[in-house]
Amino acid sequence: MSVIYIVLPLALVLGGAALVAFLWAVKRGQFDDLDTPAMRVVLEDDALSED
């Protein structure tokens, strides 16, 4: 029963850290463009290098 006093706070800290990391990634725009990376697989290399 005493292990719960270690595991529960550890789980809360890890869950909070995951939430903070997710919110940080959203704020920095990591999830803004979900379509382009998937399309890069099917495009030719020449089409990507055009500037």
Protein backbone atom coordinates (compact mmCIF):
# COMPACT_ATOMS: atom_id res chain seq x y z
CA MET A 1 0.00 0.00 0.00
CA SER A 2 2.89 2.36 0.59
CA VAL A 3 3.93 2.10 -3.06
CA ILE A 4 0.83 4.15 -3.98
CA TYR A 5 2.40 7.15 -2.22
CA ILE A 6 5.26 6.99 -4.73
CA VAL A 7 3.46 5.91 -7.90
CA LEU A 8 0.52 8.32 -7.75
CA PRO A 9 2.56 11.54 -7.50
CA LEU A 10 4.97 10.20 -10.12
CA ALA A 11 2.06 9.52 -12.49
CA LEU A 12 0.66 13.01 -11.89
CA VAL A 13 4.05 14.62 -12.56
CA LEU A 14 4.57 12.63 -15.76
CA GLY A 15 1.03 13.39 -16.95
CA GLY A 16 1.54 17.08 -16.22
CA ALA A 17 4.85 17.06 -18.09
CA ALA A 18 3.17 15.43 -21.10
CA LEU A 19 0.42 18.06 -21.03
CA VAL A 20 2.94 20.90 -20.84
CA ALA A 21 4.94 19.40 -23.74
CA PHE A 22 1.78 19.06 -25.84
CA LEU A 23 0.67 22.62 -25.15
CA TRP A 24 4.18 23.90 -25.94
CA ALA A 25 4.14 22.05 -29.28
CA VAL A 26 0.71 23.44 -30.16
CA LYS A 27 1.80 26.98 -29.28
CA ARG A 28 4.92 26.67 -31.47
CA GLY A 29 2.83 25.55 -34.47
CA GLN A 30 3.91 21.92 -34.71
CA PHE A 31 0.40 20.83 -35.69
CA ASP A 32 -0.49 23.63 -38.12
CA ASP A 33 0.17 21.81 -41.40
CA LEU A 34 -0.73 18.13 -41.30
CA ASP A 35 -1.20 17.60 -45.07
CA THR A 36 2.08 18.73 -46.63
CA PRO A 37 4.42 16.21 -44.91
CA ALA A 38 2.20 13.35 -46.10
CA MET A 39 2.22 14.69 -49.66
CA ARG A 40 6.02 14.97 -49.74
CA VAL A 41 6.23 11.19 -49.95
CA VAL A 42 4.42 11.05 -53.29
CA LEU A 43 5.99 14.14 -54.87
CA GLU A 44 9.14 13.96 -56.92
CA ASP A 45 12.33 15.42 -55.52
CA ASP A 46 12.52 18.03 -58.32
CA ALA A 47 9.15 19.50 -57.35
CA LEU A 48 10.34 20.10 -53.78
CA SER A 49 13.59 21.81 -54.71
CA GLU A 50 11.99 24.51 -56.86
CA ASP A 51 12.20 27.93 -55.22
